[in-house]
PDB file of N, CA and C in Angstrom:
ATOM      1  N   MET A   1     177.927  42.553-118.253  1.00  0.00           N
ATOM      2  CA  MET A   1     177.246  41.613-117.339  1.00  0.00           C
ATOM      3  C   MET A   1     175.780  41.641-117.566  1.00  0.00           C
ATOM      4  N   THR A   2     175.127  40.481-117.711  1.00  0.00           N
ATOM      5  CA  THR A   2     173.720  40.361-117.935  1.00  0.00           C
ATOM      6  C   THR A   2     172.991  40.564-116.561  1.00  0.00           C
ATOM      7  N   ARG A   3     171.668  40.843-116.712  1.00  0.00           N
ATOM      8  CA  ARG A   3     170.859  40.881-115.460  1.00  0.00           C
ATOM      9  C   ARG A   3     170.926  39.559-114.709  1.00  0.00           C
ATOM     10  N   GLU A   4     170.881  38.370-115.452  1.00  0.00           N
ATOM     11  CA  GLU A   4     170.893  37.104-114.762  1.00  0.00           C
ATOM     12  C   GLU A   4     172.216  36.894-114.017  1.00  0.00           C
ATOM     13  N   GLU A   5     173.326  37.306-114.694  1.00  0.00           N
ATOM     14  CA  GLU A   5     174.681  37.214-114.034  1.00  0.00           C
ATOM     15  C   GLU A   5     174.707  38.031-112.748  1.00  0.00           C
ATOM     16  N   ARG A   6     174.139  39.237-112.788  1.00  0.00           N
ATOM     17  CA  ARG A   6     174.143  40.102-111.612  1.00  0.00           C
ATOM     18  C   ARG A   6     173.379  39.426-110.485  1.00  0.00           C
ATOM     19  N   LEU A   7     172.231  38.919-110.912  1.00  0.00           N
ATOM     20  CA  LEU A   7     171.285  38.210-109.891  1.00  0.00           C
ATOM     21  C   LEU A   7     172.034  37.056-109.295  1.00  0.00           C
ATOM     22  N   ALA A   8     172.716  36.327-110.106  1.00  0.00           N
ATOM     23  CA  ALA A   8     173.448  35.131-109.582  1.00  0.00           C
ATOM     24  C   ALA A   8     174.578  35.512-108.637  1.00  0.00           C
ATOM     25  N   ILE A   9     175.245  36.627-108.908  1.00  0.00           N
ATOM     26  CA  ILE A   9     176.358  36.984-108.091  1.00  0.00           C
ATOM     27  C   ILE A   9     175.800  37.718-106.778  1.00  0.00           C
ATOM     28  N   LEU A  10     174.922  38.570-106.966  1.00  0.00           N
ATOM     29  CA  LEU A  10     174.469  39.400-105.769  1.00  0.00           C
ATOM     30  C   LEU A  10     173.341  38.680-104.948  1.00  0.00           C
ATOM     31  N   GLY A  11     172.535  37.938-105.626  1.00  0.00           N
ATOM     32  CA  GLY A  11     171.444  37.288-104.900  1.00  0.00           C
ATOM     33  C   GLY A  11     170.169  38.109-105.000  1.00  0.00           C
ATOM     34  N   PRO A  12     168.993  37.529-104.863  1.00  0.00           N
ATOM     35  CA  PRO A  12     167.730  38.235-105.030  1.00  0.00           C
ATOM     36  C   PRO A  12     167.491  39.229-103.908  1.00  0.00           C
ATOM     37  N   VAL A  13     167.875  38.986-102.715  1.00  0.00           N
ATOM     38  CA  VAL A  13     167.705  39.938-101.610  1.00  0.00           C
ATOM     39  C   VAL A  13     168.397  41.217-101.864  1.00  0.00           C
ATOM     40  N   THR A  14     169.726  41.124-102.251  1.00  0.00           N
ATOM     41  CA  THR A  14     170.557  42.389-102.561  1.00  0.00           C
ATOM     42  C   THR A  14     169.974  43.099-103.675  1.00  0.00           C
ATOM     43  N   VAL A  15     169.566  42.417-104.758  1.00  0.00           N
ATOM     44  CA  VAL A  15     169.017  43.072-105.880  1.00  0.00           C
ATOM     45  C   VAL A  15     167.741  43.829-105.502  1.00  0.00           C
ATOM     46  N   ALA A  16     166.906  43.141-104.670  1.00  0.00           N
ATOM     47  CA  ALA A  16     165.671  43.753-104.276  1.00  0.00           C
ATOM     48  C   ALA A  16     165.939  45.000-103.429  1.00  0.00           C
ATOM     49  N   ALA A  17     166.940  44.983-102.588  1.00  0.00           N
ATOM     50  CA  ALA A  17     167.348  46.069-101.777  1.00  0.00           C
ATOM     51  C   ALA A  17     167.866  47.228-102.591  1.00  0.00           C
ATOM     52  N   ILE A  18     168.616  46.940-103.666  1.00  0.00           N
ATOM     53  CA  ILE A  18     169.097  47.967-104.599  1.00  0.00           C
ATOM     54  C   ILE A  18     167.947  48.619-105.295  1.00  0.00           C
ATOM     55  N   HIS A  19     166.983  47.786-105.812  1.00  0.00           N
ATOM     56  CA  HIS A  19     165.815  48.373-106.509  1.00  0.00           C
ATOM     57  C   HIS A  19     165.008  49.287-105.557  1.00  0.00           C
ATOM     58  N   ALA A  20     164.826  48.886-104.321  1.00  0.00           N
ATOM     59  CA  ALA A  20     164.067  49.686-103.324  1.00  0.00           C
ATOM     60  C   ALA A  20     164.785  51.032-103.081  1.00  0.00           C
ATOM     61  N   ARG A  21     166.101  50.996-102.981  1.00  0.00           N
ATOM     62  CA  ARG A  21     166.855  52.191-102.691  1.00  0.00           C
ATOM     63  C   ARG A  21     166.767  53.084-103.908  1.00  0.00           C
ATOM     64  N   VAL A  22     166.876  52.572-105.087  1.00  0.00           N
ATOM     65  CA  VAL A  22     166.805  53.392-106.249  1.00  0.00           C
ATOM     66  C   VAL A  22     165.405  54.054-106.400  1.00  0.00           C
ATOM     67  N   ALA A  23     164.369  53.342-106.140  1.00  0.00           N
ATOM     68  CA  ALA A  23     163.096  53.889-106.193  1.00  0.00           C
ATOM     69  C   ALA A  23     162.834  54.970-105.199  1.00  0.00           C
ATOM     70  N   GLU A  24     163.581  55.139-104.160  1.00  0.00           N
ATOM     71  CA  GLU A  24     163.511  56.217-103.220  1.00  0.00           C
ATOM     72  C   GLU A  24     164.071  57.521-103.704  1.00  0.00           C
ATOM     73  N   ALA A  25     164.941  57.412-104.697  1.00  0.00           N
ATOM     74  CA  ALA A  25     165.696  58.632-105.155  1.00  0.00           C
ATOM     75  C   ALA A  25     164.753  59.581-105.951  1.00  0.00           C
ATOM     76  N   PRO A  26     164.967  60.857-105.771  1.00  0.00           N
ATOM     77  CA  PRO A  26     164.081  61.727-106.558  1.00  0.00           C
ATOM     78  C   PRO A  26     164.480  61.738-108.002  1.00  0.00           C
ATOM     79  N   GLU A  27     163.515  62.233-108.840  1.00  0.00           N
ATOM     80  CA  GLU A  27     163.780  62.370-110.292  1.00  0.00           C
ATOM     81  C   GLU A  27     164.852  63.491-110.467  1.00  0.00           C
ATOM     82  N   PRO A  28     165.725  63.333-111.364  1.00  0.00           N
ATOM     83  CA  PRO A  28     166.792  64.346-111.558  1.00  0.00           C
ATOM     84  C   PRO A  28     166.170  65.563-112.252  1.00  0.00           C
ATOM     85  N   SER A  29     166.719  66.655-112.036  1.00  0.00           N
ATOM     86  CA  SER A  29     166.244  67.935-112.696  1.00  0.00           C
ATOM     87  C   SER A  29     166.667  67.863-114.177  1.00  0.00           C
ATOM     88  N   ASP A  30     166.088  68.778-114.939  1.00  0.00           N
ATOM     89  CA  ASP A  30     166.430  68.886-116.372  1.00  0.00           C
ATOM     90  C   ASP A  30     167.915  69.242-116.540  1.00  0.00           C
ATOM     91  N   ASP A  31     168.414  70.117-115.656  1.00  0.00           N
ATOM     92  CA  ASP A  31     169.778  70.532-115.748  1.00  0.00           C
ATOM     93  C   ASP A  31     170.753  69.365-115.523  1.00  0.00           C
ATOM     94  N   VAL A  32     170.393  68.466-114.573  1.00  0.00           N
ATOM     95  CA  VAL A  32     171.289  67.332-114.391  1.00  0.00           C
ATOM     96  C   VAL A  32     171.168  66.329-115.475  1.00  0.00           C
ATOM     97  N   VAL A  33     169.963  66.191-116.096  1.00  0.00           N
ATOM     98  CA  VAL A  33     169.851  65.304-117.198  1.00  0.00           C
ATOM     99  C   VAL A  33     170.689  65.811-118.409  1.00  0.00           C
ATOM    100  N   ASP A  34     170.630  67.148-118.715  1.00  0.00           N
ATOM    101  CA  ASP A  34     171.362  67.657-119.743  1.00  0.00           C
ATOM    102  C   ASP A  34     172.842  67.586-119.583  1.00  0.00           C
ATOM    103  N   ALA A  35     173.314  67.776-118.355  1.00  0.00           N
ATOM    104  CA  ALA A  35     174.708  67.564-118.007  1.00  0.00           C
ATOM    105  C   ALA A  35     175.178  66.187-118.233  1.00  0.00           C
ATOM    106  N   LEU A  36     174.334  65.237-117.772  1.00  0.00           N
ATOM    107  CA  LEU A  36     174.751  63.833-117.910  1.00  0.00           C
ATOM    108  C   LEU A  36     174.703  63.358-119.405  1.00  0.00           C
ATOM    109  N   ARG A  37     173.685  63.974-120.141  1.00  0.00           N
ATOM    110  CA  ARG A  37     173.691  63.615-121.520  1.00  0.00           C
ATOM    111  C   ARG A  37     174.911  64.037-122.274  1.00  0.00           C
ATOM    112  N   ARG A  38     175.375  65.178-121.955  1.00  0.00           N
ATOM    113  CA  ARG A  38     176.646  65.739-122.573  1.00  0.00           C
ATOM    114  C   ARG A  38     177.798  64.804-122.225  1.00  0.00           C
ATOM    115  N   ILE A  39     177.895  64.409-120.937  1.00  0.00           N
ATOM    116  CA  ILE A  39     179.008  63.574-120.490  1.00  0.00           C
ATOM    117  C   ILE A  39     178.881  62.187-121.133  1.00  0.00           C
ATOM    118  N   MET A  40     177.734  61.662-121.192  1.00  0.00           N
ATOM    119  CA  MET A  40     177.601  60.301-121.742  1.00  0.00           C
ATOM    120  C   MET A  40     177.784  60.174-123.248  1.00  0.00           C
ATOM    121  N   THR A  41     177.497  61.284-123.956  1.00  0.00           N
ATOM    122  CA  THR A  41     177.636  61.236-125.426  1.00  0.00           C
ATOM    123  C   THR A  41     179.130  61.521-125.863  1.00  0.00           C
ATOM    124  N   ASN A  42     179.861  62.193-124.958  1.00  0.00           N
ATOM    125  CA  ASN A  42     181.241  62.493-125.253  1.00  0.00           C
ATOM    126  C   ASN A  42     182.049  62.398-123.950  1.00  0.00           C
ATOM    127  N   PRO A  43     182.280  61.151-123.406  1.00  0.00           N
ATOM    128  CA  PRO A  43     182.840  60.932-122.108  1.00  0.00           C
ATOM    129  C   PRO A  43     184.277  61.501-121.992  1.00  0.00           C
ATOM    130  N   GLY A  44     185.010  61.495-123.037  1.00  0.00           N
ATOM    131  CA  GLY A  44     186.352  61.941-123.031  1.00  0.00           C
ATOM    132  C   GLY A  44     186.591  63.384-123.210  1.00  0.00           C
ATOM    133  N   GLY A  45     185.527  64.134-123.370  1.00  0.00           N
ATOM    134  CA  GLY A  45     185.581  65.645-123.594  1.00  0.00           C
ATOM    135  C   GLY A  45     185.990  65.801-124.998  1.00  0.00           C
ATOM    136  N   GLN A  46     186.343  67.055-125.289  1.00  0.00           N
ATOM    137  CA  GLN A  46     186.688  67.395-126.675  1.00  0.00           C
ATOM    138  C   GLN A  46     188.089  66.798-126.969  1.00  0.00           C
ATOM    139  N   ILE A  47     188.256  66.393-128.231  1.00  0.00           N
ATOM    140  CA  ILE A  47     189.432  65.756-128.734  1.00  0.00           C
ATOM    141  C   ILE A  47     190.323  66.857-129.162  1.00  0.00           C
ATOM    142  N   PRO A  48     191.519  67.028-128.632  1.00  0.00           N
ATOM    143  CA  PRO A  48     192.498  68.117-129.041  1.00  0.00           C
ATOM    144  C   PRO A  48     192.845  67.951-130.475  1.00  0.00           C
ATOM    145  N   ALA A  49     193.011  69.025-131.124  1.00  0.00           N
ATOM    146  CA  ALA A  49     193.484  68.996-132.565  1.00  0.00           C
ATOM    147  C   ALA A  49     194.924  68.600-132.653  1.00  0.00           C
ATOM    148  N   ALA A  50     195.299  67.847-133.594  1.00  0.00           N
ATOM    149  CA  ALA A  50     196.638  67.393-133.853  1.00  0.00           C
ATOM    150  C   ALA A  50     197.442  68.604-134.346  1.00  0.00           C
ATOM    151  N   PRO A  51     198.714  68.709-133.995  1.00  0.00           N
ATOM    152  CA  PRO A  51     199.529  69.765-134.579  1.00  0.00           C
ATOM    153  C   PRO A  51     199.626  69.609-136.091  1.00  0.00           C
ATOM    154  N   SER A  52     199.696  70.707-136.800  1.00  0.00           N
ATOM    155  CA  SER A  52     199.766  70.653-138.214  1.00  0.00           C
ATOM    156  C   SER A  52     201.034  70.134-138.755  1.00  0.00           C
ATOM    157  N   ALA A  53     202.164  70.447-138.016  1.00  0.00           N
ATOM    158  CA  ALA A  53     203.500  69.956-138.382  1.00  0.00           C
ATOM    159  C   ALA A  53     204.250  69.615-137.207  1.00  0.00           C
ATOM    160  N   PRO A  54     205.092  68.697-137.194  1.00  0.00           N
ATOM    161  CA  PRO A  54     205.922  68.294-136.076  1.00  0.00           C
ATOM    162  C   PRO A  54     206.855  69.507-135.732  1.00  0.00           C
ATOM    163  N   ALA A  55     207.059  69.656-134.439  1.00  0.00           N
ATOM    164  CA  ALA A  55     208.067  70.751-134.054  1.00  0.00           C
ATOM    165  C   ALA A  55     209.510  70.320-134.417  1.00  0.00           C
ATOM    166  N   PRO A  56     210.256  71.311-134.866  1.00  0.00           N
ATOM    167  CA  PRO A  56     211.696  71.045-135.285  1.00  0.00           C
ATOM    168  C   PRO A  56     212.468  70.460-134.136  1.00  0.00           C
ATOM    169  N   ARG A  57     213.339  69.540-134.446  1.00  0.00           N
ATOM    170  CA  ARG A  57     214.193  68.966-133.420  1.00  0.00           C
ATOM    171  C   ARG A  57     215.400  69.841-133.127  1.00  0.00           C
ATOM    172  N   ALA A  58     215.754  69.929-131.874  1.00  0.00           N
ATOM    173  CA  ALA A  58     216.926  70.619-131.493  1.00  0.00           C
ATOM    174  C   ALA A  58     218.226  69.840-131.911  1.00  0.00           C
ATOM    175  N   ALA A  59     219.209  70.565-132.285  1.00  0.00           N
ATOM    176  CA  ALA A  59     220.405  69.891-132.811  1.00  0.00           C
ATOM    177  C   ALA A  59     221.355  69.656-131.599  1.00  0.00           C
TER     178      ALA A  59
END
């Protein structure tokens, strides 16, 4: 969704209120930034390794 689409849906008063609220928030600590960076670069976590061979089927 583009900025213009959000503005059309929410309206300028709501967008201004959101911007004001965000401006009140404190800056995140370095620990928080590092944790979020890890999450955002690999959101699904580690990918499990595939088994090397399928398990034998029971008879």
